[in-house]
Amino acid sequence: MPAAGLRKRHQSEGRDLTRPESPEPLPFPLYDNHAHLEFEDGHEQLDPSDSLDRAAAVGVRGIVQVGTDLETSRWSAQLAEHDPRVLAAVALHPNEAPKLFAQGQLSAHLSEISRLAAQPCVRAVGETGLDFFRTGEDGRDAQIESFETHIEIARANKIALQIHDRDAHDEVVATLKRVGAPDKTVFHCFSGDATLARICNENGWYMSFSGTATFKNAPALREALSVARPELVLAETDSPFLTPEPFRGRPNAPYLLPYTVRRMAEALGEDLAEVCARIAANTERVYGSWDPAEAAA
């Protein structure tokens, strides 16, 4: 099994690097829609197997391990091949596209993503999309070209699409409609408001809520959750980032997903077990079964 430490998270000064305590187990097991186990973060390092064991102990029985470039996409596919609790997503992060385009390597890297996406353990193309927060006007065309190609790869392989959308809601929606969104399109770490949630409702696009939905300054996200069609809602950690309250800023991992899901159930005013069961069913509808025998059937 591949080891953690492929990437190291930047450690800002004064950040609390201790791992939060494990939450109470969920009443119904579910899945983490988006995680990056390749990262090292914090004082206590968890290798992928330990991280998955710790998650399973609190009711997170599987994850989607997500790539952001060729190295992490290959790593993700390798991990999924070794551990049935993992499914892989492969892609070039939108912020990679302008750099690769400038180096004349974007097409070659996209071809390799296409090759990886054909593997049975790869169930999604992601994270791809548009990020206008870090990219200036001169990098937008490369991002859009890359996004369009990723959409086509997902459609060709009949697998899901995981979207990274930062400060680019309108262009992401326009691109999906122009190119043709895959049947199973997921807005990872949903960052829109109720208006975008209604657009997702109309198009049958999934919305995955992360630890940001627990933040005190995120009432718009909880409003979006309240209007999202229940059958389109997923949950994720985006670990090691976006740790849910009350541990914001500390190292995140899939075992902390229950904190987010409990806050989601509270915001919806619904029974926790029912919310968990629905999220689990939604996730399996997007990616298929984590059980290799069932997936092959």
Protein backbone atom coordinates (compact mmCIF):
# COMPACT_ATOMS: atom_id res chain seq x y z
CA MET A 1 0.00 0.00 0.00
CA PRO A 2 1.38 3.48 -0.81
CA ALA A 3 2.48 5.47 2.23
CA ALA A 4 1.39 8.94 3.24
CA GLY A 5 3.79 11.84 2.97
CA LEU A 6 3.67 12.32 -0.79
CA ARG A 7 2.70 15.90 0.06
CA LYS A 8 3.11 17.99 3.18
CA ARG A 9 0.59 20.63 4.18
CA HIS A 10 2.01 24.09 4.75
CA GLN A 11 2.20 24.76 8.48
CA SER A 12 1.23 28.33 9.30
CA GLU A 13 2.71 29.88 12.42
CA GLY A 14 0.67 29.40 15.55
CA ARG A 15 -1.57 26.69 14.11
CA ASP A 16 -2.66 23.93 16.49
CA LEU A 17 -1.21 20.73 15.01
CA THR A 18 -2.76 18.25 17.44
CA ARG A 19 -5.37 15.89 16.08
CA PRO A 20 -8.93 16.34 17.37
CA GLU A 21 -10.53 13.57 19.38
CA SER A 22 -12.68 11.02 17.62
CA PRO A 23 -16.41 11.77 17.57
CA GLU A 24 -19.19 9.46 18.65
CA PRO A 25 -19.81 6.84 15.96
CA LEU A 26 -22.57 7.61 13.50
CA PRO A 27 -25.80 5.59 13.79
CA PHE A 28 -25.55 4.54 10.12
CA PRO A 29 -22.30 4.15 8.15
CA LEU A 30 -21.56 6.40 5.20
CA TYR A 31 -18.71 7.60 2.95
CA ASP A 32 -16.35 10.55 2.70
CA ASN A 33 -16.92 11.99 -0.79
CA HIS A 34 -13.53 13.73 -1.01
CA ALA A 35 -10.23 13.25 0.84
CA HIS A 36 -6.49 13.62 0.24
CA LEU A 37 -4.73 10.92 2.25
CA GLU A 38 -1.44 11.61 0.49
CA PHE A 39 -0.86 14.63 2.74
CA GLU A 40 1.08 14.67 5.98
CA ASP A 41 -0.34 17.15 8.47
CA GLY A 42 0.00 17.72 12.19
CA HIS A 43 2.13 16.16 14.92
CA GLU A 44 0.57 12.69 14.68
CA GLN A 45 1.03 11.24 11.21
CA LEU A 46 -1.58 8.76 10.01
CA ASP A 47 -0.69 6.40 7.20
CA PRO A 48 -3.60 5.59 4.87
CA SER A 49 -4.46 2.30 6.57
CA ASP A 50 -4.51 3.89 10.03
CA SER A 51 -6.61 6.77 8.75
CA LEU A 52 -9.13 4.39 7.18
CA ASP A 53 -9.26 2.25 10.34
CA ARG A 54 -9.90 5.30 12.49
CA ALA A 55 -12.64 6.45 10.10
CA ALA A 56 -14.32 3.04 10.06
CA ALA A 57 -14.46 3.04 13.86
CA VAL A 58 -16.79 6.07 13.79
CA GLY A 59 -18.97 4.98 10.87
CA VAL A 60 -17.07 6.28 7.83
CA ARG A 61 -16.69 3.03 5.93
CA GLY A 62 -15.09 4.29 2.73
CA ILE A 63 -13.66 7.31 0.97
CA VAL A 64 -13.08 8.80 -2.44
CA GLN A 65 -9.35 9.55 -2.62
CA VAL A 66 -8.81 12.48 -4.96
CA GLY A 67 -5.89 13.39 -7.19
CA THR A 68 -4.87 16.90 -8.21
CA ASP A 69 -2.03 16.21 -10.66
CA LEU A 70 -0.41 13.20 -12.30
CA GLU A 71 1.60 12.19 -9.24
CA THR A 72 -1.31 12.29 -6.80
CA SER A 73 -3.70 10.77 -9.34
CA ARG A 74 -1.40 7.79 -9.82
CA TRP A 75 -1.02 7.53 -6.04
CA SER A 76 -4.80 7.63 -5.60
CA ALA A 77 -5.36 4.85 -8.13
CA GLN A 78 -2.65 2.75 -6.52
CA LEU A 79 -4.22 3.18 -3.07
CA ALA A 80 -7.65 2.21 -4.41
CA GLU A 81 -6.17 -0.93 -5.96
CA HIS A 82 -4.73 -1.96 -2.59
CA ASP A 83 -7.61 -1.12 -0.23
CA PRO A 84 -11.30 -1.84 -0.95
CA ARG A 85 -12.32 1.01 1.36
CA VAL A 86 -10.99 3.44 -1.23
CA LEU A 87 -12.23 4.53 -4.64
CA ALA A 88 -10.10 6.90 -6.69
CA ALA A 89 -10.72 10.14 -8.54
CA VAL A 90 -8.07 11.39 -10.98
CA ALA A 91 -7.58 14.83 -12.51
CA LEU A 92 -5.49 17.94 -12.89
CA HIS A 93 -6.53 20.62 -10.41
CA PRO A 94 -7.63 23.79 -12.24
CA ASN A 95 -4.68 25.70 -10.83
CA GLU A 96 -2.34 23.20 -12.51
CA ALA A 97 -3.72 23.93 -15.98
CA PRO A 98 -2.13 27.36 -16.63
CA LYS A 99 1.29 26.12 -15.49
CA LEU A 100 1.12 23.01 -17.67
CA PHE A 101 -0.15 25.02 -20.63
CA ALA A 102 2.78 27.43 -20.32
CA GLN A 103 5.16 24.45 -20.30
CA GLY A 104 3.48 22.90 -23.34
CA GLN A 105 2.53 19.83 -21.28
CA LEU A 106 -1.22 20.22 -20.72
CA SER A 107 -2.32 17.89 -23.53
CA ALA A 108 0.12 15.16 -22.53
CA HIS A 109 -0.98 15.29 -18.89
CA LEU A 110 -4.64 15.17 -19.89
CA SER A 111 -3.92 12.09 -22.00
CA GLU A 112 -2.44 10.35 -18.96
CA ILE A 113 -5.48 11.31 -16.86
CA SER A 114 -7.64 9.74 -19.56
CA ARG A 115 -5.61 6.53 -19.33
CA LEU A 116 -5.89 6.42 -15.53
CA ALA A 117 -9.63 7.08 -15.66
CA ALA A 118 -10.19 3.79 -17.48
CA GLN A 119 -9.07 1.72 -14.47
CA PRO A 120 -11.91 -0.05 -12.60
CA CYS A 121 -10.85 1.40 -9.24
CA VAL A 122 -11.19 4.94 -10.62
CA ARG A 123 -14.82 6.02 -10.28
CA ALA A 124 -14.54 9.75 -10.86
CA VAL A 125 -12.68 12.44 -12.74
CA GLY A 126 -11.69 15.09 -10.23
CA GLU A 127 -10.92 17.35 -8.85
CA THR A 128 -11.32 19.48 -11.93
CA GLY A 129 -13.20 22.69 -12.59
CA LEU A 130 -12.41 26.38 -12.38
CA ASP A 131 -10.64 28.45 -9.74
CA PHE A 132 -10.65 32.16 -10.45
CA PHE A 133 -9.46 33.01 -6.93
CA ARG A 134 -5.80 32.17 -7.64
CA THR A 135 -5.71 32.47 -11.43
CA GLY A 136 -5.65 35.76 -13.29
CA GLU A 137 -7.32 36.51 -16.59
CA ASP A 138 -4.35 35.11 -18.53
CA GLY A 139 -4.86 31.65 -17.00
CA ARG A 140 -8.60 31.30 -17.51
CA ASP A 141 -8.51 29.93 -21.04
CA ALA A 142 -6.18 27.10 -19.99
CA GLN A 143 -8.43 26.27 -17.03
CA ILE A 144 -11.51 26.16 -19.24
CA GLU A 145 -9.76 23.98 -21.84
CA SER A 146 -8.65 21.58 -19.12
CA PHE A 147 -12.12 21.50 -17.54
CA GLU A 148 -13.78 20.78 -20.88
CA THR A 149 -11.42 17.87 -21.52
CA HIS A 150 -12.00 16.44 -18.04
CA ILE A 151 -15.75 16.56 -18.65
CA GLU A 152 -15.26 14.62 -21.88
CA ILE A 153 -13.07 12.04 -20.10
CA ALA A 154 -15.74 11.47 -17.44
CA ARG A 155 -18.44 11.09 -20.07
CA ALA A 156 -16.35 8.73 -22.20
CA ASN A 157 -15.70 6.46 -19.21
CA LYS A 158 -19.24 6.82 -17.81
CA ILE A 159 -17.95 7.82 -14.39
CA ALA A 160 -18.64 10.74 -12.08
CA LEU A 161 -17.19 14.24 -12.30
CA GLN A 162 -15.97 16.01 -9.14
CA ILE A 163 -15.89 19.78 -9.57
CA HIS A 164 -13.65 22.30 -7.83
CA ASP A 165 -15.49 25.63 -8.09
CA ARG A 166 -13.95 28.70 -6.50
CA ASP A 167 -15.19 32.18 -7.40
CA ALA A 168 -16.35 30.74 -10.73
CA HIS A 169 -19.97 29.61 -10.28
CA ASP A 170 -21.34 31.19 -13.46
CA GLU A 171 -18.57 29.93 -15.74
CA VAL A 172 -18.66 26.43 -14.22
CA VAL A 173 -22.39 26.18 -14.87
CA ALA A 174 -21.99 27.61 -18.38
CA THR A 175 -19.21 25.13 -19.20
CA LEU A 176 -21.22 22.16 -17.94
CA LYS A 177 -24.18 23.18 -20.07
CA ARG A 178 -22.05 23.94 -23.13
CA VAL A 179 -20.05 20.70 -23.08
CA GLY A 180 -22.72 18.49 -21.53
CA ALA A 181 -22.46 17.49 -17.89
CA PRO A 182 -21.91 13.81 -17.07
CA ASP A 183 -24.90 12.01 -15.58
CA LYS A 184 -23.22 12.08 -12.17
CA THR A 185 -21.79 15.54 -11.60
CA VAL A 186 -20.70 16.54 -8.09
CA PHE A 187 -19.87 20.00 -6.77
CA HIS A 188 -17.12 19.10 -4.30
CA CYS A 189 -16.95 21.30 -1.19
CA PHE A 190 -20.10 23.10 -2.32
CA SER A 191 -19.46 26.82 -1.89
CA GLY A 192 -22.52 28.35 -3.50
CA ASP A 193 -25.68 29.88 -2.10
CA ALA A 194 -29.32 28.88 -2.40
CA THR A 195 -29.39 30.16 -5.98
CA LEU A 196 -26.65 27.76 -7.09
CA ALA A 197 -28.28 24.97 -5.09
CA ARG A 198 -31.49 25.49 -7.06
CA ILE A 199 -29.52 25.35 -10.33
CA CYS A 200 -28.05 22.03 -9.17
CA ASN A 201 -31.54 20.83 -8.26
CA GLU A 202 -32.82 21.65 -11.75
CA ASN A 203 -29.96 19.80 -13.44
CA GLY A 204 -29.66 16.83 -11.10
CA TRP A 205 -26.16 17.81 -9.99
CA TYR A 206 -24.93 16.61 -6.61
CA MET A 207 -23.78 18.95 -3.85
CA SER A 208 -21.14 17.74 -1.37
CA PHE A 209 -20.93 19.67 1.89
CA SER A 210 -17.68 19.86 3.85
CA GLY A 211 -16.59 21.23 7.22
CA THR A 212 -17.28 24.74 5.93
CA ALA A 213 -20.99 24.02 6.50
CA THR A 214 -20.24 24.01 10.25
CA PHE A 215 -18.49 27.39 10.30
CA LYS A 216 -20.21 30.21 12.16
CA ASN A 217 -19.74 32.57 9.22
CA ALA A 218 -21.43 30.21 6.71
CA PRO A 219 -25.21 30.68 7.08
CA ALA A 220 -25.51 30.87 3.28
CA LEU A 221 -24.13 27.34 2.99
CA ARG A 222 -26.65 26.02 5.49
CA GLU A 223 -29.40 27.81 3.58
CA ALA A 224 -28.18 26.12 0.39
CA LEU A 225 -28.29 22.78 2.20
CA SER A 226 -31.87 23.47 3.26
CA VAL A 227 -33.04 23.98 -0.34
CA ALA A 228 -30.94 21.19 -1.90
CA ARG A 229 -32.91 18.18 -3.02
CA PRO A 230 -32.19 15.53 -0.34
CA GLU A 231 -31.29 12.89 -2.94
CA LEU A 232 -28.52 15.18 -4.27
CA VAL A 233 -26.67 15.79 -0.97
CA LEU A 234 -23.28 14.23 -0.16
CA ALA A 235 -20.75 14.88 2.63
CA GLU A 236 -16.97 15.13 2.68
CA THR A 237 -13.96 16.23 4.68
CA ASP A 238 -11.64 17.56 1.95
CA SER A 239 -9.05 16.47 4.50
CA PRO A 240 -6.52 17.54 5.58
CA PHE A 241 -8.22 20.90 4.96
CA LEU A 242 -11.46 22.50 6.18
CA THR A 243 -11.67 20.83 9.58
CA PRO A 244 -15.19 21.19 11.01
CA GLU A 245 -16.05 23.16 14.12
CA PRO A 246 -15.18 23.05 16.94
CA PHE A 247 -11.72 22.10 15.60
CA ARG A 248 -11.36 24.55 12.72
CA GLY A 249 -7.71 24.98 11.71
CA ARG A 250 -6.47 21.70 13.18
CA PRO A 251 -5.51 18.64 11.07
CA ASN A 252 -8.49 17.09 9.32
CA ALA A 253 -9.04 13.44 8.38
CA PRO A 254 -11.97 11.23 7.33
CA TYR A 255 -12.66 10.18 10.95
CA LEU A 256 -13.89 13.74 11.62
CA LEU A 257 -16.69 13.58 9.04
CA PRO A 258 -19.33 12.82 11.73
CA TYR A 259 -18.93 16.34 13.13
CA THR A 260 -20.00 17.78 9.77
CA VAL A 261 -22.84 15.31 9.24
CA ARG A 262 -24.26 15.96 12.71
CA ARG A 263 -24.27 19.70 11.99
CA MET A 264 -25.97 19.04 8.66
CA ALA A 265 -28.71 17.00 10.34
CA GLU A 266 -29.15 19.73 12.95
CA ALA A 267 -29.45 22.42 10.26
CA LEU A 268 -32.03 20.31 8.42
CA GLY A 269 -33.95 19.48 11.58
CA GLU A 270 -33.87 15.80 10.64
CA ASP A 271 -33.03 12.54 12.37
CA LEU A 272 -29.30 11.84 12.19
CA ALA A 273 -29.66 8.18 11.23
CA GLU A 274 -32.00 9.07 8.37
CA VAL A 275 -29.60 11.73 7.09
CA CYS A 276 -26.67 9.28 7.25
CA ALA A 277 -28.58 6.55 5.43
CA ARG A 278 -29.63 8.96 2.70
CA ILE A 279 -26.09 10.32 2.22
CA ALA A 280 -24.75 6.75 2.02
CA ALA A 281 -27.32 5.80 -0.62
CA ASN A 282 -26.64 8.98 -2.60
CA THR A 283 -22.90 8.33 -2.55
CA GLU A 284 -23.31 4.76 -3.78
CA ARG A 285 -25.60 6.03 -6.54
CA VAL A 286 -22.80 8.32 -7.74
CA TYR A 287 -19.81 5.97 -7.50
CA GLY A 288 -21.23 2.47 -7.32
CA SER A 289 -20.34 -0.06 -4.65
CA TRP A 290 -17.11 -0.05 -2.66
CA ASP A 291 -17.37 -3.87 -2.64
CA PRO A 292 -15.24 -5.19 -5.54
CA ALA A 293 -17.55 -8.17 -6.10
CA GLU A 294 -20.65 -6.00 -6.29
CA ALA A 295 -18.90 -3.46 -8.52
CA ALA A 296 -17.90 -6.18 -10.99
CA ALA A 297 -21.42 -7.63 -11.16
